[in-house]
Amino acid sequence: MNSVAVVDGWVYYSTVSSAKKGIYKMSADGTVNIPLYSSDQPLNGFQYRDGWIYFIRGSFGIMGSALIEKIRIDGTGHTALGNARATSLYFAGGDLYYPSAFDGDNELRKLEPGK
């Protein structure tokens, strides 16, 4: 397990295992586990805000790239928000910030997610 958020009695989490990369929704008692999103690339930077899960999909090797994406907590509305070499995600007020790893720099940048 990579990241966790608890919302309205449900546990939302991302996995990073090579066989099972994705975002899942699990009941608090662990009896129900629902896949919301699967990927063949690593998922990082998991954040929850206003009914959406925000995350980074991709890697950074020599030719790597990563996208900042979001998905509703019911598994719908998957949207790419921008191509960025983000290493993590942070909310401050209504704005989404991310450190951008580019040429050894880790400058903090702002992305205004659509609602």
PDB file of N, CA and C in Angstrom:
ATOM      1  N   MET A   1       0.852  -1.174   0.000  1.00  0.00           N
ATOM      2  CA  MET A   1       0.000   0.000   0.000  1.00  0.00           C
ATOM      3  C   MET A   1       0.898   1.238   0.000  1.00  0.00           C
ATOM      4  N   ASN A   2       0.515   2.208  -0.804  1.00  0.00           N
ATOM      5  CA  ASN A   2       1.302   3.414  -0.962  1.00  0.00           C
ATOM      6  C   ASN A   2       0.705   4.590  -0.194  1.00  0.00           C
ATOM      7  N   SER A   3      -0.591   4.840  -0.326  1.00  0.00           N
ATOM      8  CA  SER A   3      -1.242   5.994   0.288  1.00  0.00           C
ATOM      9  C   SER A   3      -2.646   5.627   0.724  1.00  0.00           C
ATOM     10  N   VAL A   4      -3.172   6.382   1.728  1.00  0.00           N
ATOM     11  CA  VAL A   4      -4.503   6.095   2.276  1.00  0.00           C
ATOM     12  C   VAL A   4      -5.239   7.394   2.568  1.00  0.00           C
ATOM     13  N   ALA A   5      -6.560   7.390   2.334  1.00  0.00           N
ATOM     14  CA  ALA A   5      -7.453   8.472   2.760  1.00  0.00           C
ATOM     15  C   ALA A   5      -8.744   7.815   3.234  1.00  0.00           C
ATOM     16  N   VAL A   6      -9.309   8.308   4.340  1.00  0.00           N
ATOM     17  CA  VAL A   6     -10.569   7.788   4.855  1.00  0.00           C
ATOM     18  C   VAL A   6     -11.629   8.864   4.641  1.00  0.00           C
ATOM     19  N   VAL A   7     -12.705   8.502   3.923  1.00  0.00           N
ATOM     20  CA  VAL A   7     -13.767   9.447   3.577  1.00  0.00           C
ATOM     21  C   VAL A   7     -15.110   8.749   3.754  1.00  0.00           C
ATOM     22  N   ASP A   8     -15.976   9.315   4.593  1.00  0.00           N
ATOM     23  CA  ASP A   8     -17.337   8.807   4.780  1.00  0.00           C
ATOM     24  C   ASP A   8     -17.390   7.302   5.044  1.00  0.00           C
ATOM     25  N   GLY A   9     -16.504   6.806   5.896  1.00  0.00           N
ATOM     26  CA  GLY A   9     -16.516   5.401   6.271  1.00  0.00           C
ATOM     27  C   GLY A   9     -15.869   4.454   5.276  1.00  0.00           C
ATOM     28  N   TRP A  10     -15.292   4.980   4.213  1.00  0.00           N
ATOM     29  CA  TRP A  10     -14.586   4.166   3.227  1.00  0.00           C
ATOM     30  C   TRP A  10     -13.096   4.478   3.283  1.00  0.00           C
ATOM     31  N   VAL A  11     -12.276   3.468   3.062  1.00  0.00           N
ATOM     32  CA  VAL A  11     -10.822   3.630   3.018  1.00  0.00           C
ATOM     33  C   VAL A  11     -10.403   3.589   1.552  1.00  0.00           C
ATOM     34  N   TYR A  12      -9.813   4.669   1.074  1.00  0.00           N
ATOM     35  CA  TYR A  12      -9.310   4.753  -0.294  1.00  0.00           C
ATOM     36  C   TYR A  12      -7.801   4.595  -0.219  1.00  0.00           C
ATOM     37  N   TYR A  13      -7.253   3.728  -1.071  1.00  0.00           N
ATOM     38  CA  TYR A  13      -5.821   3.496  -1.008  1.00  0.00           C
ATOM     39  C   TYR A  13      -5.271   3.191  -2.397  1.00  0.00           C
ATOM     40  N   SER A  14      -3.971   3.415  -2.538  1.00  0.00           N
ATOM     41  CA  SER A  14      -3.298   3.081  -3.791  1.00  0.00           C
ATOM     42  C   SER A  14      -2.280   1.986  -3.503  1.00  0.00           C
ATOM     43  N   THR A  15      -2.042   1.167  -4.507  1.00  0.00           N
ATOM     44  CA  THR A  15      -1.053   0.103  -4.391  1.00  0.00           C
ATOM     45  C   THR A  15       0.043   0.317  -5.416  1.00  0.00           C
ATOM     46  N   VAL A  16       1.224  -0.208  -5.120  1.00  0.00           N
ATOM     47  CA  VAL A  16       2.363  -0.040  -6.021  1.00  0.00           C
ATOM     48  C   VAL A  16       2.997  -1.366  -6.408  1.00  0.00           C
ATOM     49  N   SER A  17       2.411  -2.484  -6.012  1.00  0.00           N
ATOM     50  CA  SER A  17       3.007  -3.780  -6.351  1.00  0.00           C
ATOM     51  C   SER A  17       3.022  -3.951  -7.867  1.00  0.00           C
ATOM     52  N   SER A  18       3.986  -4.699  -8.354  1.00  0.00           N
ATOM     53  CA  SER A  18       4.118  -4.860  -9.805  1.00  0.00           C
ATOM     54  C   SER A  18       2.913  -5.562 -10.418  1.00  0.00           C
ATOM     55  N   ALA A  19       2.227  -6.392  -9.645  1.00  0.00           N
ATOM     56  CA  ALA A  19       1.087  -7.124 -10.178  1.00  0.00           C
ATOM     57  C   ALA A  19      -0.228  -6.357 -10.062  1.00  0.00           C
ATOM     58  N   LYS A  20      -0.286  -5.343  -9.203  1.00  0.00           N
ATOM     59  CA  LYS A  20      -1.570  -4.731  -8.871  1.00  0.00           C
ATOM     60  C   LYS A  20      -1.410  -3.238  -8.565  1.00  0.00           C
ATOM     61  N   LYS A  21      -1.127  -2.420  -9.581  1.00  0.00           N
ATOM     62  CA  LYS A  21      -1.033  -0.980  -9.383  1.00  0.00           C
ATOM     63  C   LYS A  21      -2.411  -0.376  -9.583  1.00  0.00           C
ATOM     64  N   GLY A  22      -2.877   0.415  -8.623  1.00  0.00           N
ATOM     65  CA  GLY A  22      -4.181   1.020  -8.804  1.00  0.00           C
ATOM     66  C   GLY A  22      -4.681   1.735  -7.578  1.00  0.00           C
ATOM     67  N   ILE A  23      -5.926   2.209  -7.672  1.00  0.00           N
ATOM     68  CA  ILE A  23      -6.613   2.882  -6.578  1.00  0.00           C
ATOM     69  C   ILE A  23      -7.841   2.045  -6.242  1.00  0.00           C
ATOM     70  N   TYR A  24      -8.042   1.810  -4.955  1.00  0.00           N
ATOM     71  CA  TYR A  24      -9.107   0.940  -4.474  1.00  0.00           C
ATOM     72  C   TYR A  24      -9.909   1.628  -3.380  1.00  0.00           C
ATOM     73  N   LYS A  25     -11.142   1.146  -3.208  1.00  0.00           N
ATOM     74  CA  LYS A  25     -12.062   1.635  -2.181  1.00  0.00           C
ATOM     75  C   LYS A  25     -12.446   0.421  -1.332  1.00  0.00           C
ATOM     76  N   MET A  26     -12.212   0.504  -0.010  1.00  0.00           N
ATOM     77  CA  MET A  26     -12.500  -0.618   0.875  1.00  0.00           C
ATOM     78  C   MET A  26     -13.401  -0.156   2.016  1.00  0.00           C
ATOM     79  N   SER A  27     -14.384  -0.999   2.370  1.00  0.00           N
ATOM     80  CA  SER A  27     -15.238  -0.676   3.506  1.00  0.00           C
ATOM     81  C   SER A  27     -14.394  -0.671   4.777  1.00  0.00           C
ATOM     82  N   ALA A  28     -14.822   0.081   5.769  1.00  0.00           N
ATOM     83  CA  ALA A  28     -14.053   0.210   7.010  1.00  0.00           C
ATOM     84  C   ALA A  28     -13.852  -1.137   7.702  1.00  0.00           C
ATOM     85  N   ASP A  29     -14.794  -2.069   7.539  1.00  0.00           N
ATOM     86  CA  ASP A  29     -14.639  -3.383   8.172  1.00  0.00           C
ATOM     87  C   ASP A  29     -13.851  -4.360   7.310  1.00  0.00           C
ATOM     88  N   GLY A  30     -13.439  -3.944   6.119  1.00  0.00           N
ATOM     89  CA  GLY A  30     -12.603  -4.760   5.244  1.00  0.00           C
ATOM     90  C   GLY A  30     -13.333  -5.818   4.442  1.00  0.00           C
ATOM     91  N   THR A  31     -14.657  -5.851   4.510  1.00  0.00           N
ATOM     92  CA  THR A  31     -15.399  -6.904   3.809  1.00  0.00           C
ATOM     93  C   THR A  31     -15.650  -6.599   2.335  1.00  0.00           C
ATOM     94  N   VAL A  32     -15.572  -5.338   1.940  1.00  0.00           N
ATOM     95  CA  VAL A  32     -15.806  -4.945   0.547  1.00  0.00           C
ATOM     96  C   VAL A  32     -14.571  -4.219   0.032  1.00  0.00           C
ATOM     97  N   ASN A  33     -14.072  -4.630  -1.122  1.00  0.00           N
ATOM     98  CA  ASN A  33     -12.906  -4.005  -1.727  1.00  0.00           C
ATOM     99  C   ASN A  33     -13.208  -3.788  -3.211  1.00  0.00           C
ATOM    100  N   ILE A  34     -13.264  -2.524  -3.645  1.00  0.00           N
ATOM    101  CA  ILE A  34     -13.696  -2.183  -4.999  1.00  0.00           C
ATOM    102  C   ILE A  34     -12.550  -1.502  -5.751  1.00  0.00           C
ATOM    103  N   PRO A  35     -12.123  -2.051  -6.897  1.00  0.00           N
ATOM    104  CA  PRO A  35     -11.120  -1.351  -7.706  1.00  0.00           C
ATOM    105  C   PRO A  35     -11.752  -0.139  -8.393  1.00  0.00           C
ATOM    106  N   LEU A  36     -11.091   1.014  -8.300  1.00  0.00           N
ATOM    107  CA  LEU A  36     -11.582   2.236  -8.939  1.00  0.00           C
ATOM    108  C   LEU A  36     -10.789   2.596 -10.191  1.00  0.00           C
ATOM    109  N   TYR A  37      -9.492   2.270 -10.183  1.00  0.00           N
ATOM    110  CA  TYR A  37      -8.617   2.672 -11.287  1.00  0.00           C
ATOM    111  C   TYR A  37      -7.414   1.741 -11.303  1.00  0.00           C
ATOM    112  N   SER A  38      -7.019   1.280 -12.480  1.00  0.00           N
ATOM    113  CA  SER A  38      -5.809   0.462 -12.582  1.00  0.00           C
ATOM    114  C   SER A  38      -4.850   1.118 -13.568  1.00  0.00           C
ATOM    115  N   SER A  39      -3.568   0.823 -13.381  1.00  0.00           N
ATOM    116  CA  SER A  39      -2.539   1.449 -14.198  1.00  0.00           C
ATOM    117  C   SER A  39      -1.388   0.486 -14.398  1.00  0.00           C
ATOM    118  N   ASP A  40      -0.685   0.643 -15.497  1.00  0.00           N
ATOM    119  CA  ASP A  40       0.537  -0.127 -15.700  1.00  0.00           C
ATOM    120  C   ASP A  40       1.757   0.678 -15.250  1.00  0.00           C
ATOM    121  N   GLN A  41       1.522   1.889 -14.748  1.00  0.00           N
ATOM    122  CA  GLN A  41       2.606   2.757 -14.285  1.00  0.00           C
ATOM    123  C   GLN A  41       2.452   3.024 -12.784  1.00  0.00           C
ATOM    124  N   PRO A  42       3.540   3.410 -12.116  1.00  0.00           N
ATOM    125  CA  PRO A  42       3.470   3.706 -10.675  1.00  0.00           C
ATOM    126  C   PRO A  42       2.527   4.871 -10.380  1.00  0.00           C
ATOM    127  N   LEU A  43       1.868   4.829  -9.219  1.00  0.00           N
ATOM    128  CA  LEU A  43       0.994   5.901  -8.740  1.00  0.00           C
ATOM    129  C   LEU A  43       1.579   6.452  -7.454  1.00  0.00           C
ATOM    130  N   ASN A  44       1.656   7.774  -7.348  1.00  0.00           N
ATOM    131  CA  ASN A  44       2.235   8.434  -6.171  1.00  0.00           C
ATOM    132  C   ASN A  44       1.450   9.704  -5.861  1.00  0.00           C
ATOM    133  N   GLY A  45       1.813  10.377  -4.764  1.00  0.00           N
ATOM    134  CA  GLY A  45       1.267  11.686  -4.442  1.00  0.00           C
ATOM    135  C   GLY A  45      -0.215  11.712  -4.141  1.00  0.00           C
ATOM    136  N   PHE A  46      -0.774  10.641  -3.668  1.00  0.00           N
ATOM    137  CA  PHE A  46      -2.199  10.446  -3.423  1.00  0.00           C
ATOM    138  C   PHE A  46      -2.738  11.502  -2.451  1.00  0.00           C
ATOM    139  N   GLN A  47      -3.753  12.282  -2.873  1.00  0.00           N
ATOM    140  CA  GLN A  47      -4.395  13.299  -2.031  1.00  0.00           C
ATOM    141  C   GLN A  47      -5.899  13.292  -2.275  1.00  0.00           C
ATOM    142  N   TYR A  48      -6.682  13.577  -1.234  1.00  0.00           N
ATOM    143  CA  TYR A  48      -8.134  13.668  -1.362  1.00  0.00           C
ATOM    144  C   TYR A  48      -8.571  15.117  -1.152  1.00  0.00           C
ATOM    145  N   ARG A  49      -9.556  15.557  -1.965  1.00  0.00           N
ATOM    146  CA  ARG A  49     -10.144  16.890  -1.779  1.00  0.00           C
ATOM    147  C   ARG A  49     -11.496  16.961  -2.491  1.00  0.00           C
ATOM    148  N   ASP A  50     -12.520  17.349  -1.750  1.00  0.00           N
ATOM    149  CA  ASP A  50     -13.843  17.648  -2.300  1.00  0.00           C
ATOM    150  C   ASP A  50     -14.389  16.583  -3.255  1.00  0.00           C
ATOM    151  N   GLY A  51     -14.335  15.320  -2.860  1.00  0.00           N
ATOM    152  CA  GLY A  51     -14.898  14.248  -3.668  1.00  0.00           C
ATOM    153  C   GLY A  51     -13.993  13.706  -4.757  1.00  0.00           C
ATOM    154  N   TRP A  52     -12.758  14.185  -4.814  1.00  0.00           N
ATOM    155  CA  TRP A  52     -11.798  13.751  -5.828  1.00  0.00           C
ATOM    156  C   TRP A  52     -10.546  13.191  -5.165  1.00  0.00           C
ATOM    157  N   ILE A  53      -9.940  12.209  -5.807  1.00  0.00           N
ATOM    158  CA  ILE A  53      -8.621  11.716  -5.430  1.00  0.00           C
ATOM    159  C   ILE A  53      -7.650  12.205  -6.496  1.00  0.00           C
ATOM    160  N   TYR A  54      -6.618  12.891  -6.072  1.00  0.00           N
ATOM    161  CA  TYR A  54      -5.583  13.411  -6.961  1.00  0.00           C
ATOM    162  C   TYR A  54      -4.353  12.524  -6.816  1.00  0.00           C
ATOM    163  N   PHE A  55      -3.654  12.279  -7.917  1.00  0.00           N
ATOM    164  CA  PHE A  55      -2.483  11.416  -7.854  1.00  0.00           C
ATOM    165  C   PHE A  55      -1.546  11.703  -9.017  1.00  0.00           C
ATOM    166  N   ILE A  56      -0.344  11.174  -8.903  1.00  0.00           N
ATOM    167  CA  ILE A  56       0.669  11.288  -9.951  1.00  0.00           C
ATOM    168  C   ILE A  56       0.821   9.901 -10.567  1.00  0.00           C
ATOM    169  N   ARG A  57       0.732   9.815 -11.884  1.00  0.00           N
ATOM    170  CA  ARG A  57       0.912   8.539 -12.579  1.00  0.00           C
ATOM    171  C   ARG A  57       2.131   8.649 -13.482  1.00  0.00           C
ATOM    172  N   GLY A  58       3.100   7.767 -13.269  1.00  0.00           N
ATOM    173  CA  GLY A  58       4.290   7.751 -14.104  1.00  0.00           C
ATOM    174  C   GLY A  58       5.550   7.575 -13.300  1.00  0.00           C
ATOM    175  N   SER A  59       6.673   7.672 -13.991  1.00  0.00           N
ATOM    176  CA  SER A  59       7.973   7.513 -13.349  1.00  0.00           C
ATOM    177  C   SER A  59       8.947   8.535 -13.918  1.00  0.00           C
ATOM    178  N   PHE A  60      10.143   8.553 -13.341  1.00  0.00           N
ATOM    179  CA  PHE A  60      11.079   9.621 -13.690  1.00  0.00           C
ATOM    180  C   PHE A  60      12.399   9.178 -14.292  1.00  0.00           C
ATOM    181  N   GLY A  61      12.561   7.951 -14.703  1.00  0.00           N
ATOM    182  CA  GLY A  61      13.852   7.528 -15.250  1.00  0.00           C
ATOM    183  C   GLY A  61      14.388   8.508 -16.281  1.00  0.00           C
ATOM    184  N   ILE A  62      15.367   8.131 -17.005  1.00  0.00           N
ATOM    185  CA  ILE A  62      15.978   9.018 -17.998  1.00  0.00           C
ATOM    186  C   ILE A  62      14.939   9.548 -18.984  1.00  0.00           C
ATOM    187  N   MET A  63      14.043   8.709 -19.421  1.00  0.00           N
ATOM    188  CA  MET A  63      13.014   9.123 -20.374  1.00  0.00           C
ATOM    189  C   MET A  63      11.631   9.182 -19.715  1.00  0.00           C
ATOM    190  N   GLY A  64      11.579   9.200 -18.404  1.00  0.00           N
ATOM    191  CA  GLY A  64      10.305   9.152 -17.697  1.00  0.00           C
ATOM    192  C   GLY A  64       9.528  10.455 -17.755  1.00  0.00           C
ATOM    193  N   SER A  65       8.261  10.332 -17.510  1.00  0.00           N
ATOM    194  CA  SER A  65       7.403  11.503 -17.373  1.00  0.00           C
ATOM    195  C   SER A  65       6.259  11.113 -16.451  1.00  0.00           C
ATOM    196  N   ALA A  66       5.566  12.089 -15.947  1.00  0.00           N
ATOM    197  CA  ALA A  66       4.467  11.813 -15.028  1.00  0.00           C
ATOM    198  C   ALA A  66       3.328  12.787 -15.288  1.00  0.00           C
ATOM    199  N   LEU A  67       2.128  12.311 -15.065  1.00  0.00           N
ATOM    200  CA  LEU A  67       0.927  13.125 -15.211  1.00  0.00           C
ATOM    201  C   LEU A  67       0.284  13.324 -13.846  1.00  0.00           C
ATOM    202  N   ILE A  68      -0.230  14.512 -13.599  1.00  0.00           N
ATOM    203  CA  ILE A  68      -1.082  14.740 -12.440  1.00  0.00           C
ATOM    204  C   ILE A  68      -2.500  14.464 -12.924  1.00  0.00           C
ATOM    205  N   GLU A  69      -3.194  13.560 -12.216  1.00  0.00           N
ATOM    206  CA  GLU A  69      -4.524  13.144 -12.628  1.00  0.00           C
ATOM    207  C   GLU A  69      -5.465  13.172 -11.438  1.00  0.00           C
ATOM    208  N   LYS A  70      -6.775  13.065 -11.719  1.00  0.00           N
ATOM    209  CA  LYS A  70      -7.754  12.983 -10.655  1.00  0.00           C
ATOM    210  C   LYS A  70      -8.858  12.016 -11.057  1.00  0.00           C
ATOM    211  N   ILE A  71      -9.539  11.479 -10.052  1.00  0.00           N
ATOM    212  CA  ILE A  71     -10.658  10.581 -10.260  1.00  0.00           C
ATOM    213  C   ILE A  71     -11.647  10.792  -9.119  1.00  0.00           C
ATOM    214  N   ARG A  72     -12.937  10.723  -9.411  1.00  0.00           N
ATOM    215  CA  ARG A  72     -13.948  10.854  -8.353  1.00  0.00           C
ATOM    216  C   ARG A  72     -13.896   9.633  -7.447  1.00  0.00           C
ATOM    217  N   ILE A  73     -14.364   9.793  -6.224  1.00  0.00           N
ATOM    218  CA  ILE A  73     -14.294   8.685  -5.278  1.00  0.00           C
ATOM    219  C   ILE A  73     -15.229   7.541  -5.631  1.00  0.00           C
ATOM    220  N   ASP A  74     -16.090   7.722  -6.628  1.00  0.00           N
ATOM    221  CA  ASP A  74     -16.915   6.603  -7.103  1.00  0.00           C
ATOM    222  C   ASP A  74     -16.285   5.923  -8.317  1.00  0.00           C
ATOM    223  N   GLY A  75     -15.086   6.363  -8.715  1.00  0.00           N
ATOM    224  CA  GLY A  75     -14.359   5.748  -9.823  1.00  0.00           C
ATOM    225  C   GLY A  75     -14.637   6.374 -11.173  1.00  0.00           C
ATOM    226  N   THR A  76     -15.458   7.409 -11.242  1.00  0.00           N
ATOM    227  CA  THR A  76     -15.770   8.062 -12.511  1.00  0.00           C
ATOM    228  C   THR A  76     -14.961   9.347 -12.670  1.00  0.00           C
ATOM    229  N   GLY A  77     -15.045   9.941 -13.835  1.00  0.00           N
ATOM    230  CA  GLY A  77     -14.464  11.261 -14.071  1.00  0.00           C
ATOM    231  C   GLY A  77     -12.958  11.314 -14.145  1.00  0.00           C
ATOM    232  N   HIS A  78     -12.310  10.213 -14.501  1.00  0.00           N
ATOM    233  CA  HIS A  78     -10.849  10.225 -14.581  1.00  0.00           C
ATOM    234  C   HIS A  78     -10.395  11.311 -15.553  1.00  0.00           C
ATOM    235  N   THR A  79      -9.514  12.197 -15.092  1.00  0.00           N
ATOM    236  CA  THR A  79      -9.073  13.340 -15.872  1.00  0.00           C
ATOM    237  C   THR A  79      -7.589  13.589 -15.666  1.00  0.00           C
ATOM    238  N   ALA A  80      -6.850  13.801 -16.741  1.00  0.00           N
ATOM    239  CA  ALA A  80      -5.452  14.226 -16.654  1.00  0.00           C
ATOM    240  C   ALA A  80      -5.434  15.742 -16.499  1.00  0.00           C
ATOM    241  N   LEU A  81      -4.692  16.237 -15.525  1.00  0.00           N
ATOM    242  CA  LEU A  81      -4.641  17.676 -15.261  1.00  0.00           C
ATOM    243  C   LEU A  81      -3.406  18.342 -15.841  1.00  0.00           C
ATOM    244  N   GLY A  82      -2.387  17.569 -16.124  1.00  0.00           N
ATOM    245  CA  GLY A  82      -1.201  18.167 -16.702  1.00  0.00           C
ATOM    246  C   GLY A  82      -0.004  17.249 -16.630  1.00  0.00           C
ATOM    247  N   ASN A  83       0.902  17.414 -17.577  1.00  0.00           N
ATOM    248  CA  ASN A  83       2.136  16.650 -17.597  1.00  0.00           C
ATOM    249  C   ASN A  83       3.152  17.389 -16.738  1.00  0.00           C
ATOM    250  N   ALA A  84       3.677  16.724 -15.736  1.00  0.00           N
ATOM    251  CA  ALA A  84       4.614  17.378 -14.826  1.00  0.00           C
ATOM    252  C   ALA A  84       5.532  16.333 -14.218  1.00  0.00           C
ATOM    253  N   ARG A  85       6.709  16.729 -13.867  1.00  0.00           N
ATOM    254  CA  ARG A  85       7.615  15.830 -13.159  1.00  0.00           C
ATOM    255  C   ARG A  85       7.419  16.052 -11.661  1.00  0.00           C
ATOM    256  N   ALA A  86       6.187  15.876 -11.227  1.00  0.00           N
ATOM    257  CA  ALA A  86       5.821  16.089  -9.827  1.00  0.00           C
ATOM    258  C   ALA A  86       6.333  14.942  -8.975  1.00  0.00           C
ATOM    259  N   THR A  87       6.807  15.263  -7.773  1.00  0.00           N
ATOM    260  CA  THR A  87       7.271  14.235  -6.839  1.00  0.00           C
ATOM    261  C   THR A  87       6.272  14.001  -5.716  1.00  0.00           C
ATOM    262  N   SER A  88       5.375  14.944  -5.491  1.00  0.00           N
ATOM    263  CA  SER A  88       4.322  14.821  -4.482  1.00  0.00           C
ATOM    264  C   SER A  88       3.285  15.904  -4.748  1.00  0.00           C
ATOM    265  N   LEU A  89       2.156  15.832  -4.034  1.00  0.00           N
ATOM    266  CA  LEU A  89       1.073  16.803  -4.196  1.00  0.00           C
ATOM    267  C   LEU A  89       0.681  17.363  -2.838  1.00  0.00           C
ATOM    268  N   TYR A  90       0.327  18.665  -2.815  1.00  0.00           N
ATOM    269  CA  TYR A  90      -0.099  19.335  -1.586  1.00  0.00           C
ATOM    270  C   TYR A  90      -1.215  20.325  -1.916  1.00  0.00           C
ATOM    271  N   PHE A  91      -2.206  20.403  -1.047  1.00  0.00           N
ATOM    272  CA  PHE A  91      -3.244  21.419  -1.187  1.00  0.00           C
ATOM    273  C   PHE A  91      -3.005  22.528  -0.175  1.00  0.00           C
ATOM    274  N   ALA A  92      -3.212  23.762  -0.605  1.00  0.00           N
ATOM    275  CA  ALA A  92      -3.218  24.936   0.267  1.00  0.00           C
ATOM    276  C   ALA A  92      -4.378  25.785  -0.215  1.00  0.00           C
ATOM    277  N   GLY A  93      -5.402  25.922   0.639  1.00  0.00           N
ATOM    278  CA  GLY A  93      -6.623  26.580   0.193  1.00  0.00           C
ATOM    279  C   GLY A  93      -7.225  25.752  -0.923  1.00  0.00           C
ATOM    280  N   GLY A  94      -7.624  26.369  -2.012  1.00  0.00           N
ATOM    281  CA  GLY A  94      -8.181  25.647  -3.148  1.00  0.00           C
ATOM    282  C   GLY A  94      -7.162  25.297  -4.204  1.00  0.00           C
ATOM    283  N   ASP A  95      -5.887  25.561  -3.938  1.00  0.00           N
ATOM    284  CA  ASP A  95      -4.849  25.371  -4.949  1.00  0.00           C
ATOM    285  C   ASP A  95      -4.038  24.108  -4.696  1.00  0.00           C
ATOM    286  N   LEU A  96      -3.635  23.475  -5.785  1.00  0.00           N
ATOM    287  CA  LEU A  96      -2.818  22.276  -5.745  1.00  0.00           C
ATOM    288  C   LEU A  96      -1.384  22.657  -6.093  1.00  0.00           C
ATOM    289  N   TYR A  97      -0.443  22.259  -5.236  1.00  0.00           N
ATOM    290  CA  TYR A  97       0.974  22.546  -5.437  1.00  0.00           C
ATOM    291  C   TYR A  97       1.734  21.240  -5.578  1.00  0.00           C
ATOM    292  N   TYR A  98       2.832  21.292  -6.315  1.00  0.00           N
ATOM    293  CA  TYR A  98       3.684  20.120  -6.457  1.00  0.00           C
ATOM    294  C   TYR A  98       5.132  20.536  -6.643  1.00  0.00           C
ATOM    295  N   PRO A  99       6.071  19.826  -5.981  1.00  0.00           N
ATOM    296  CA  PRO A  99       7.486  20.036  -6.278  1.00  0.00           C
ATOM    297  C   PRO A  99       7.786  19.409  -7.632  1.00  0.00           C
ATOM    298  N   SER A 100       8.420  20.150  -8.499  1.00  0.00           N
ATOM    299  CA  SER A 100       8.723  19.675  -9.851  1.00  0.00           C
ATOM    300  C   SER A 100      10.189  19.282  -9.930  1.00  0.00           C
ATOM    301  N   ALA A 101      10.434  18.004 -10.159  1.00  0.00           N
ATOM    302  CA  ALA A 101      11.804  17.495 -10.267  1.00  0.00           C
ATOM    303  C   ALA A 101      12.256  17.619 -11.711  1.00  0.00           C
ATOM    304  N   PHE A 102      13.036  18.629 -11.999  1.00  0.00           N
ATOM    305  CA  PHE A 102      13.531  18.835 -13.350  1.00  0.00           C
ATOM    306  C   PHE A 102      14.954  19.358 -13.286  1.00  0.00           C
ATOM    307  N   ASP A 103      15.874  18.670 -13.936  1.00  0.00           N
ATOM    308  CA  ASP A 103      17.292  19.059 -13.957  1.00  0.00           C
ATOM    309  C   ASP A 103      17.843  19.312 -12.559  1.00  0.00           C
ATOM    310  N   GLY A 104      17.482  18.470 -11.595  1.00  0.00           N
ATOM    311  CA  GLY A 104      18.000  18.601 -10.238  1.00  0.00           C
ATOM    312  C   GLY A 104      17.295  19.650  -9.405  1.00  0.00           C
ATOM    313  N   ASP A 105      16.388  20.407 -10.008  1.00  0.00           N
ATOM    314  CA  ASP A 105      15.633  21.430  -9.304  1.00  0.00           C
ATOM    315  C   ASP A 105      14.413  20.769  -8.673  1.00  0.00           C
ATOM    316  N   ASN A 106      13.897  21.328  -7.606  1.00  0.00           N
ATOM    317  CA  ASN A 106      12.678  20.809  -6.979  1.00  0.00           C
ATOM    318  C   ASN A 106      11.758  21.984  -6.652  1.00  0.00           C
ATOM    319  N   GLU A 107      11.618  22.874  -7.614  1.00  0.00           N
ATOM    320  CA  GLU A 107      10.837  24.093  -7.452  1.00  0.00           C
ATOM    321  C   GLU A 107       9.364  23.775  -7.209  1.00  0.00           C
ATOM    322  N   LEU A 108       8.744  24.490  -6.262  1.00  0.00           N
ATOM    323  CA  LEU A 108       7.323  24.312  -5.987  1.00  0.00           C
ATOM    324  C   LEU A 108       6.516  25.060  -7.038  1.00  0.00           C
ATOM    325  N   ARG A 109       5.562  24.354  -7.650  1.00  0.00           N
ATOM    326  CA  ARG A 109       4.719  24.935  -8.689  1.00  0.00           C
ATOM    327  C   ARG A 109       3.256  24.791  -8.310  1.00  0.00           C
ATOM    328  N   LYS A 110       2.420  25.611  -8.914  1.00  0.00           N
ATOM    329  CA  LYS A 110       0.984  25.637  -8.595  1.00  0.00           C
ATOM    330  C   LYS A 110       0.187  25.163  -9.794  1.00  0.00           C
ATOM    331  N   LEU A 111      -0.823  24.321  -9.507  1.00  0.00           N
ATOM    332  CA  LEU A 111      -1.762  23.868 -10.522  1.00  0.00           C
ATOM    333  C   LEU A 111      -3.154  24.091  -9.978  1.00  0.00           C
ATOM    334  N   GLU A 112      -4.002  24.774 -10.733  1.00  0.00           N
ATOM    335  CA  GLU A 112      -5.370  25.013 -10.270  1.00  0.00           C
ATOM    336  C   GLU A 112      -6.280  23.961 -10.863  1.00  0.00           C
ATOM    337  N   PRO A 113      -6.652  22.948 -10.065  1.00  0.00           N
ATOM    338  CA  PRO A 113      -7.495  21.874 -10.600  1.00  0.00           C
ATOM    339  C   PRO A 113      -8.892  22.352 -10.922  1.00  0.00           C
ATOM    340  N   GLY A 114      -9.458  21.833 -12.005  1.00  0.00           N
ATOM    341  CA  GLY A 114     -10.842  22.158 -12.358  1.00  0.00           C
ATOM    342  C   GLY A 114     -11.798  21.502 -11.382  1.00  0.00           C
ATOM    343  N   LYS A 115     -12.953  22.113 -11.202  1.00  0.00           N
ATOM    344  CA  LYS A 115     -13.922  21.551 -10.255  1.00  0.00           C
ATOM    345  C   LYS A 115     -15.055  20.910 -10.982  1.00  0.00           C
TER     346      LYS A 115
END
